[in-house]
Protein backbone atom coordinates (compact mmCIF):
# COMPACT_ATOMS: atom_id res chain seq x y z
CA MET A 1 -110.05 0.95 164.70
CA MET A 2 -109.92 1.23 160.92
CA LYS A 3 -107.64 -1.80 160.83
CA ASN A 4 -110.11 -3.89 162.85
CA LYS A 5 -112.95 -2.90 160.51
CA SER A 6 -110.87 -4.07 157.56
CA TYR A 7 -110.34 -7.46 159.22
CA ILE A 8 -114.06 -7.73 159.93
CA GLY A 9 -114.83 -6.85 156.32
CA ILE A 10 -112.42 -9.44 154.98
CA SER A 11 -113.77 -12.08 157.38
CA PHE A 12 -117.31 -11.34 156.21
CA ILE A 13 -116.30 -11.76 152.55
CA ILE A 14 -114.58 -15.07 153.33
CA LEU A 15 -117.68 -16.27 155.20
CA VAL A 16 -120.01 -15.34 152.33
CA PHE A 17 -117.68 -16.97 149.81
CA GLY A 18 -117.62 -20.13 151.91
CA ILE A 19 -121.40 -20.29 152.11
CA TYR A 20 -121.71 -20.22 148.30
CA ALA A 21 -118.53 -22.09 147.37
CA ILE A 22 -118.66 -25.10 149.70
CA PRO A 23 -121.90 -26.56 148.24
CA LYS A 24 -120.44 -26.24 144.74
CA ILE A 25 -117.26 -27.99 145.82
CA ILE A 26 -119.35 -30.76 147.37
CA ASP A 27 -121.38 -31.03 144.14
CA ARG A 28 -118.17 -31.50 142.17
CA LEU A 29 -117.05 -34.24 144.53
CA LYS A 30 -120.44 -35.93 144.12
CA GLY A 31 -119.97 -36.24 140.39
CA ASN A 32 -122.18 -33.33 139.36
CA ASP A 33 -119.64 -32.33 136.71
CA LEU A 34 -121.18 -35.09 134.60
CA VAL A 35 -123.53 -33.58 132.02
CA GLU A 36 -127.26 -34.32 132.15
CA ILE A 37 -128.35 -35.30 128.63
CA GLY A 38 -132.01 -35.91 129.43
CA PRO A 39 -134.40 -38.51 130.86
CA VAL A 40 -133.94 -42.09 129.71
CA PRO A 41 -136.67 -43.14 127.23
CA ASN A 42 -139.43 -45.22 128.78
CA PHE A 43 -139.16 -48.90 127.92
CA GLU A 44 -140.77 -52.18 128.92
CA LEU A 45 -139.49 -55.49 127.56
CA THR A 46 -139.09 -59.13 128.60
CA ASN A 47 -135.91 -60.41 130.23
CA GLN A 48 -134.08 -63.75 130.13
CA ASN A 49 -136.23 -65.02 133.00
CA ASN A 50 -139.45 -64.20 131.13
CA GLN A 51 -140.18 -61.23 133.41
CA LYS A 52 -141.40 -57.82 132.33
CA ILE A 53 -138.69 -55.23 132.98
CA SER A 54 -139.02 -51.47 132.52
CA ASN A 55 -136.88 -48.42 133.15
CA LYS A 56 -138.92 -47.95 136.34
CA ASP A 57 -137.34 -51.12 137.75
CA TYR A 58 -134.00 -49.28 137.69
CA LYS A 59 -135.24 -46.31 139.69
CA GLY A 60 -132.65 -45.58 142.38
CA LYS A 61 -129.92 -47.46 140.50
CA VAL A 62 -127.05 -46.32 138.34
CA TYR A 63 -126.97 -48.49 135.22
CA VAL A 64 -125.27 -49.08 131.89
CA LEU A 65 -127.33 -49.92 128.79
CA GLU A 66 -126.30 -51.39 125.44
CA PHE A 67 -127.95 -52.64 122.23
CA PHE A 68 -126.59 -55.91 120.81
CA PHE A 69 -127.62 -59.29 119.40
CA SER A 70 -126.44 -62.74 120.40
CA THR A 71 -125.31 -63.93 116.93
CA CYS A 72 -123.31 -60.79 116.16
CA PRO A 73 -119.96 -61.83 114.67
CA SER A 74 -118.18 -58.50 115.06
CA ILE A 75 -118.49 -55.91 117.84
CA CYS A 76 -121.06 -57.49 120.18
CA PRO A 77 -118.69 -60.07 121.71
CA ILE A 78 -116.33 -57.21 122.58
CA MET A 79 -119.15 -55.13 124.06
CA ASN A 80 -120.49 -58.07 126.06
CA LYS A 81 -117.02 -58.88 127.36
CA ASN A 82 -116.57 -55.29 128.49
CA MET A 83 -120.00 -55.36 130.13
CA VAL A 84 -118.89 -58.45 132.07
CA GLU A 85 -115.80 -56.51 133.16
CA ILE A 86 -118.08 -53.73 134.40
CA GLN A 87 -120.28 -56.31 136.16
CA ASN A 88 -117.28 -57.73 138.00
CA GLU A 89 -116.07 -54.26 139.00
CA PHE A 90 -119.36 -53.44 140.74
CA PHE A 91 -120.57 -56.92 141.63
CA GLY A 92 -122.70 -57.03 144.76
CA ASN A 93 -123.58 -53.34 144.73
CA PRO A 94 -127.40 -53.23 144.96
CA ASN A 95 -127.44 -49.70 143.53
CA PHE A 96 -125.87 -50.71 140.22
CA GLY A 97 -127.40 -52.53 137.25
CA GLN A 98 -126.99 -53.32 133.56
CA VAL A 99 -129.30 -53.65 130.56
CA SER A 100 -128.59 -55.44 127.26
CA ILE A 101 -131.33 -55.08 124.64
CA THR A 102 -131.30 -57.31 121.56
CA ILE A 103 -131.95 -55.75 118.16
CA ASN A 104 -132.70 -59.21 116.74
CA PRO A 105 -135.61 -60.38 118.90
CA GLU A 106 -136.82 -62.83 116.27
CA ASN A 107 -133.79 -64.97 117.06
CA ASP A 108 -133.04 -63.78 120.58
CA THR A 109 -135.92 -65.33 122.47
CA VAL A 110 -136.10 -65.55 126.25
CA GLU A 111 -134.44 -68.98 126.16
CA VAL A 112 -131.68 -67.83 123.79
CA LEU A 113 -130.90 -64.81 125.96
CA LYS A 114 -130.85 -66.94 129.10
CA ASN A 115 -128.25 -69.26 127.55
CA HIS A 116 -126.31 -66.30 126.19
CA ALA A 117 -126.14 -64.69 129.64
CA LYS A 118 -125.01 -67.97 131.18
CA ASN A 119 -122.28 -68.46 128.58
CA LEU A 120 -121.01 -64.92 129.19
CA GLY A 121 -120.68 -65.55 132.89
CA VAL A 122 -123.43 -63.21 133.99
CA THR A 123 -124.01 -63.56 137.74
CA SER A 124 -125.53 -60.19 138.64
CA LYS A 125 -129.23 -60.21 139.47
CA ASN A 126 -129.41 -56.62 138.23
CA TRP A 127 -128.29 -57.40 134.67
CA ASN A 128 -131.26 -57.94 132.36
CA PHE A 129 -131.10 -59.16 128.76
CA LEU A 130 -134.23 -57.85 127.09
CA THR A 131 -136.25 -58.89 124.07
CA GLY A 132 -139.61 -57.92 122.59
CA ASP A 133 -141.17 -56.43 119.48
CA LYS A 134 -138.59 -55.65 116.79
CA LYS A 135 -140.11 -52.36 115.64
CA TYR A 136 -140.48 -51.21 119.24
CA ILE A 137 -136.81 -51.96 119.96
CA MET A 138 -135.55 -50.27 116.79
CA ASN A 139 -137.53 -47.14 117.64
CA LEU A 140 -136.20 -47.25 121.17
CA SER A 141 -132.63 -47.44 119.91
CA ASN A 142 -132.78 -44.98 117.02
CA LYS A 143 -135.34 -42.46 118.23
CA GLY A 144 -135.37 -42.95 121.99
CA PHE A 145 -131.66 -43.14 122.70
CA ASN A 146 -130.44 -41.90 119.31
CA ILE A 147 -128.07 -44.87 119.21
CA TYR A 148 -127.98 -46.31 115.68
CA ALA A 149 -129.23 -49.84 115.00
CA GLY A 150 -130.52 -51.28 111.74
CA GLN A 151 -131.01 -54.40 109.68
CA ASN A 152 -128.62 -54.86 106.76
CA ASP A 153 -128.55 -58.19 104.95
CA LYS A 154 -125.29 -57.22 103.25
CA VAL A 155 -123.25 -57.22 106.45
CA ALA A 156 -122.14 -60.22 108.52
CA GLY A 157 -124.86 -61.15 110.98
CA GLY A 158 -127.56 -59.19 109.12
CA PHE A 159 -127.58 -56.23 111.51
CA GLU A 160 -125.40 -53.21 112.18
CA HIS A 161 -125.27 -50.95 115.20
CA SER A 162 -123.00 -48.70 117.21
CA GLY A 163 -120.72 -49.92 119.97
CA LEU A 164 -121.90 -47.35 122.50
CA PHE A 165 -122.84 -47.67 126.17
CA ALA A 166 -125.41 -45.34 127.77
CA LEU A 167 -124.90 -44.34 131.41
CA VAL A 168 -128.02 -43.59 133.47
CA ASP A 169 -128.09 -42.12 136.98
CA LYS A 170 -130.31 -43.01 139.95
CA ASN A 171 -132.98 -40.55 138.82
CA GLY A 172 -133.28 -42.05 135.34
CA VAL A 173 -131.26 -39.31 133.63
CA ILE A 174 -128.67 -40.09 130.94
CA ARG A 175 -125.32 -38.68 132.03
CA CYS A 176 -121.89 -38.32 130.45
CA ARG A 177 -118.52 -36.63 130.82
CA LYS A 178 -117.05 -33.96 128.57
CA ASP A 179 -114.30 -34.41 126.01
CA ALA A 180 -111.03 -32.45 125.91
CA GLN A 181 -112.80 -29.56 124.15
CA GLY A 182 -115.50 -29.37 126.81
CA ASN A 183 -118.24 -31.00 124.71
CA PRO A 184 -120.51 -33.76 126.11
CA ILE A 185 -119.50 -37.15 124.71
CA MET A 186 -123.18 -38.28 125.00
CA TYR A 187 -122.31 -41.99 125.17
CA TYR A 188 -119.28 -44.10 126.05
CA ASP A 189 -117.18 -46.21 123.71
CA GLY A 190 -118.02 -49.81 124.60
CA LEU A 191 -115.26 -51.25 122.42
CA GLU A 192 -112.06 -49.54 123.51
CA LYS A 193 -110.34 -49.81 126.89
CA GLU A 194 -110.32 -46.04 127.27
CA GLY A 195 -114.11 -45.84 127.02
CA VAL A 196 -114.63 -48.73 129.43
CA ASN A 197 -112.27 -47.17 131.99
CA ALA A 198 -114.06 -43.83 131.61
CA ILE A 199 -117.50 -45.27 132.23
CA LYS A 200 -116.26 -47.22 135.26
CA GLN A 201 -114.87 -44.01 136.74
CA ASP A 202 -118.13 -42.17 136.13
CA ILE A 203 -120.25 -45.01 137.54
CA LYS A 204 -118.35 -44.57 140.80
CA LEU A 205 -119.10 -40.84 140.77
CA LEU A 206 -122.81 -41.40 140.20
CA LEU A 207 -123.01 -44.09 142.89
CA GLU A 208 -121.77 -41.48 145.38
CA GLU A 209 -124.53 -39.01 144.50
């Protein structure tokens, strides 16, 4: 009799453990290991088709966002190329999108951005190249996303900025993975293959959520 009670006790413990553990296992499989940094800053700008686009237009979509400018002679061509690679990886998925915001809107007009997108080979309807007020965009980059961008007449192209990609989930929350030490990386390296592969892996996780 005592032996049967022990089996019942063990079975009860296993059942309770399963009730609490299974949802957590499912969460891990859904990509919930990715850290939530915070809500994406609100933005509204004009795209290459002269349409107003805001962060609200990406509600329900996972998306990657970058800051760049079309005449950049250094890192932007690499970033744009890697964004095209990401586009091709997820092409046709209605729940995925991309955003490229110019930090040189005085040059990068709607027409310039439209030609730039065409020359890059952009075919996704969910990839918007955005322009607008320069001060607004600089504040959005530096204060909103905390991704550095600035004007510097001493450097080639007249502007300098980071080569980072932001990853945003379907609920408009910036997400990221952790580094080897367990610290959030915040943003993904948009220049190196390792960073591009990492963000592609994490896009897949977020699309499954």
